[in-house]
N, C-alpha and C. Protein backbone atom coordinates (compact mmCIF):
# COMPACT_ATOMS: atom_id res chain seq x y z
N MET A 1 0.62 -1.30 -0.28
CA MET A 1 0.03 -0.01 -0.08
C MET A 1 0.70 1.17 -0.17
N THR A 2 0.64 2.16 -0.69
CA THR A 2 0.98 3.56 -0.46
C THR A 2 0.82 4.33 0.48
N LYS A 3 2.20 5.10 1.00
CA LYS A 3 1.66 5.64 2.17
C LYS A 3 2.03 7.25 1.62
N ILE A 4 1.34 8.13 1.54
CA ILE A 4 1.31 9.55 1.84
C ILE A 4 1.57 10.42 2.72
N THR A 5 2.38 11.51 2.94
CA THR A 5 2.78 12.12 3.93
C THR A 5 2.53 13.42 3.68
N TYR A 6 1.64 14.51 4.60
CA TYR A 6 1.34 15.84 4.29
C TYR A 6 2.45 16.37 5.39
N LYS A 7 3.31 17.22 4.85
CA LYS A 7 4.17 17.88 5.88
C LYS A 7 4.00 19.33 5.76
N ILE A 8 3.70 20.17 7.15
CA ILE A 8 3.27 21.44 7.30
C ILE A 8 4.79 22.16 7.16
N VAL A 9 4.92 22.97 6.38
CA VAL A 9 6.34 24.16 6.21
C VAL A 9 5.92 25.47 6.17
N GLU A 10 6.87 25.92 6.42
CA GLU A 10 6.91 27.42 6.34
C GLU A 10 6.84 27.89 4.61
N HIS A 11 6.16 28.85 4.32
CA HIS A 11 6.24 29.00 2.86
C HIS A 11 5.61 30.32 2.61
N ASP A 12 6.26 31.14 2.08
CA ASP A 12 5.78 32.53 1.49
C ASP A 12 5.22 33.31 2.62
N GLY A 13 5.96 33.83 3.60
CA GLY A 13 5.23 34.36 4.84
C GLY A 13 4.16 33.72 5.37
N GLY A 14 4.29 32.40 5.37
CA GLY A 14 3.07 31.86 6.17
C GLY A 14 3.17 30.28 6.18
N TRP A 15 2.11 29.74 6.32
CA TRP A 15 2.32 28.03 5.96
C TRP A 15 1.54 27.23 4.87
N ALA A 16 2.30 26.35 4.66
CA ALA A 16 1.40 25.48 3.73
C ALA A 16 1.69 23.98 4.08
N TYR A 17 0.85 22.94 3.15
CA TYR A 17 1.57 21.76 3.49
C TYR A 17 2.35 20.95 2.14
N ARG A 18 2.98 20.31 2.16
CA ARG A 18 3.64 19.59 1.22
C ARG A 18 3.69 18.41 1.09
N VAL A 19 3.24 18.17 -0.15
CA VAL A 19 3.12 16.46 -0.49
C VAL A 19 4.23 16.35 -1.60
N GLY A 20 5.27 15.48 -1.35
CA GLY A 20 6.81 15.39 -2.53
C GLY A 20 7.50 16.98 -2.64
N ASP A 21 7.26 17.21 -3.50
CA ASP A 21 7.65 18.45 -4.11
C ASP A 21 6.55 19.35 -4.39
N THR A 22 5.45 19.35 -4.17
CA THR A 22 4.07 19.99 -4.46
C THR A 22 3.56 20.71 -3.09
N LEU A 23 3.68 22.06 -3.14
CA LEU A 23 3.08 22.57 -2.48
C LEU A 23 1.60 23.46 -2.24
N SER A 24 0.99 23.38 -1.19
CA SER A 24 -0.44 23.70 -1.45
C SER A 24 -0.57 25.39 -1.27
N GLU A 25 -1.63 26.08 -1.27
CA GLU A 25 -1.69 27.38 -1.08
C GLU A 25 -1.29 27.92 0.28
N THR A 26 -0.81 29.15 0.50
CA THR A 26 -0.35 29.74 1.76
C THR A 26 -1.44 29.77 2.62
N PHE A 27 -1.49 29.40 3.68
CA PHE A 27 -2.23 29.96 5.01
C PHE A 27 -1.77 30.57 6.25
N ALA A 28 -2.40 31.44 6.46
CA ALA A 28 -1.92 32.48 7.43
C ALA A 28 -1.17 31.73 8.66
N THR A 29 -1.72 30.65 9.35
CA THR A 29 -1.37 30.06 10.54
C THR A 29 -0.83 28.91 10.24
N HIS A 30 0.06 28.15 11.03
CA HIS A 30 0.31 26.76 11.06
C HIS A 30 -0.95 25.88 11.26
N ASP A 31 -1.88 26.43 12.26
CA ASP A 31 -3.21 25.80 12.41
C ASP A 31 -4.02 25.51 11.10
N LEU A 32 -4.25 26.69 10.37
CA LEU A 32 -4.82 26.50 9.28
C LEU A 32 -4.46 25.73 8.09
N ALA A 33 -2.80 25.38 8.12
CA ALA A 33 -2.36 24.76 7.29
C ALA A 33 -2.66 23.40 7.51
N ARG A 34 -2.38 23.11 8.76
CA ARG A 34 -2.55 21.71 9.09
C ARG A 34 -3.98 21.35 9.10
N LYS A 35 -4.86 21.83 9.70
CA LYS A 35 -6.50 21.95 9.14
C LYS A 35 -6.49 21.23 7.90
N ALA A 36 -6.03 22.30 6.43
CA ALA A 36 -6.36 22.13 5.70
C ALA A 36 -5.64 20.56 5.09
N ALA A 37 -4.45 20.44 5.49
CA ALA A 37 -3.69 19.17 5.30
C ALA A 37 -4.46 17.68 6.04
N GLU A 38 -5.16 18.11 7.02
CA GLU A 38 -5.54 16.74 7.47
C GLU A 38 -7.04 16.67 6.41
N ARG A 39 -7.58 17.89 6.14
CA ARG A 39 -8.46 17.59 5.47
C ARG A 39 -8.37 17.01 4.10
N ALA A 40 -7.27 17.55 3.56
CA ALA A 40 -6.87 16.65 2.16
C ALA A 40 -6.38 15.27 2.32
N ALA A 41 -5.63 14.86 3.67
CA ALA A 41 -5.35 13.67 3.53
C ALA A 41 -6.71 12.54 4.15
N SER A 42 -7.60 13.07 4.69
CA SER A 42 -8.69 12.53 4.80
C SER A 42 -9.55 11.96 3.40
N GLU A 43 -9.61 13.12 2.77
CA GLU A 43 -10.38 13.04 1.39
C GLU A 43 -9.41 11.59 0.48
N GLN A 44 -8.19 11.79 0.64
CA GLN A 44 -7.34 10.90 -0.28
C GLN A 44 -7.55 9.39 0.07
N VAL A 45 -8.06 9.13 1.24
CA VAL A 45 -8.54 7.80 1.57
C VAL A 45 -9.57 7.43 1.08
N VAL A 46 -10.80 8.19 0.95
CA VAL A 46 -12.18 7.73 0.54
C VAL A 46 -11.97 6.92 -0.77
N GLY A 47 -12.78 5.85 -0.57
CA GLY A 47 -13.05 4.71 -1.91
C GLY A 47 -13.72 5.38 -2.89
N GLY A 48 -13.95 5.10 -3.90
CA GLY A 48 -14.94 5.44 -5.22
C GLY A 48 -15.06 4.49 -6.29
N SER A 49 -15.19 4.89 -7.17
CA SER A 49 -15.27 4.12 -8.51
C SER A 49 -14.06 4.12 -9.36
N ASP A 50 -14.06 2.90 -10.03
CA ASP A 50 -13.10 2.98 -10.83
C ASP A 50 -12.86 3.97 -11.89
N ALA A 51 -11.78 4.58 -12.13
CA ALA A 51 -11.82 5.80 -13.43
C ALA A 51 -10.41 5.35 -13.76
N GLY A 52 -10.46 6.07 -15.00
CA GLY A 52 -9.17 6.18 -15.92
C GLY A 52 -8.72 7.65 -15.85
N ILE A 53 -7.27 7.53 -15.83
CA ILE A 53 -6.43 8.34 -15.49
C ILE A 53 -5.33 8.41 -16.58
N SER A 54 -5.16 9.82 -17.15
CA SER A 54 -3.99 9.58 -17.78
C SER A 54 -2.87 11.01 -16.85
N TYR A 55 -1.69 10.75 -17.24
CA TYR A 55 -0.73 11.47 -16.51
C TYR A 55 0.86 11.59 -17.24
N GLU A 56 1.50 12.41 -17.23
CA GLU A 56 2.74 12.80 -17.75
C GLU A 56 3.71 12.66 -16.48
N ASP A 57 4.81 11.83 -17.01
CA ASP A 57 5.76 11.60 -16.10
C ASP A 57 7.12 12.58 -16.17
N GLN A 58 8.08 12.55 -15.52
CA GLN A 58 9.04 13.34 -15.68
C GLN A 58 9.78 13.55 -17.21
N GLN A 59 9.96 12.57 -17.86
CA GLN A 59 10.18 12.49 -19.04
C GLN A 59 9.70 13.04 -20.09
N GLY A 60 8.34 13.54 -19.76
CA GLY A 60 7.44 14.02 -20.82
C GLY A 60 6.49 12.91 -21.84
N ARG A 61 6.33 11.96 -20.93
CA ARG A 61 5.84 10.53 -21.63
C ARG A 61 4.51 10.63 -21.08
N TRP A 62 3.24 10.50 -22.01
CA TRP A 62 2.10 10.31 -21.31
C TRP A 62 1.76 8.88 -21.34
N HIS A 63 1.01 8.47 -20.03
CA HIS A 63 0.39 7.07 -19.49
C HIS A 63 -1.15 7.18 -19.42
N ASP A 64 -1.83 6.17 -19.62
CA ASP A 64 -3.25 6.00 -19.32
C ASP A 64 -3.33 4.59 -18.67
N GLU A 65 -3.88 4.91 -17.44
CA GLU A 65 -4.25 3.66 -16.58
C GLU A 65 -5.51 3.86 -15.95
N VAL A 66 -5.94 2.45 -15.26
CA VAL A 66 -7.00 2.70 -14.75
C VAL A 66 -6.67 2.45 -13.37
N SER A 67 -7.46 3.54 -12.41
CA SER A 67 -7.16 3.64 -10.87
C SER A 67 -8.45 3.19 -10.29
N HIS A 68 -8.03 1.99 -9.60
CA HIS A 68 -9.50 1.37 -8.90
C HIS A 68 -9.99 1.94 -7.51
N GLY A 69 -11.03 2.24 -7.51
CA GLY A 69 -11.88 3.11 -6.26
C GLY A 69 -11.51 2.15 -5.11
N ASP A 70 -11.21 1.06 -4.66
CA ASP A 70 -10.78 0.77 -3.58
C ASP A 70 -9.28 0.80 -3.31
N ASP A 71 -8.44 1.19 -4.31
CA ASP A 71 -6.98 1.08 -3.86
C ASP A 71 -6.67 2.43 -3.43
N ARG A 72 -6.62 2.64 -2.11
CA ARG A 72 -6.45 3.98 -1.77
C ARG A 72 -5.54 3.82 -0.99
N PRO A 73 -4.71 5.09 -0.73
CA PRO A 73 -3.53 5.17 -0.28
C PRO A 73 -3.54 5.32 1.57
N GLU A 74 -2.50 4.96 2.41
CA GLU A 74 -2.75 5.38 3.87
C GLU A 74 -1.98 6.45 3.85
N THR A 75 -2.62 7.78 4.78
CA THR A 75 -2.09 9.02 4.70
C THR A 75 -1.49 9.33 6.13
N GLU A 76 -0.83 10.29 6.24
CA GLU A 76 -0.52 10.96 7.47
C GLU A 76 -0.04 12.59 7.61
N VAL A 77 -0.12 12.99 8.44
CA VAL A 77 0.07 14.68 8.50
C VAL A 77 1.41 14.63 9.58
N GLU A 78 2.53 15.35 9.11
CA GLU A 78 3.72 15.73 9.98
C GLU A 78 3.46 17.18 10.14
N GLY A 79 4.11 17.46 11.46
CA GLY A 79 3.99 19.20 11.72
C GLY A 79 3.12 19.69 12.42
């Protein structure tokens, strides 16, 4: 099972959450950023219907896959 970690970090004069190399919008307080990260993390684990997805990898190649609605990651929030 995949594990996704949402990390609370200082960003652009405020606070944001980071997943991998991606940052959220900036929040005025650490508490607001943490609440937003917790909300995003909880939504990430909700199952759903199977869906087709397309994405571009780091080499610029496109991939088409099926995302199974019951294949959800484990999530956590740090910071």
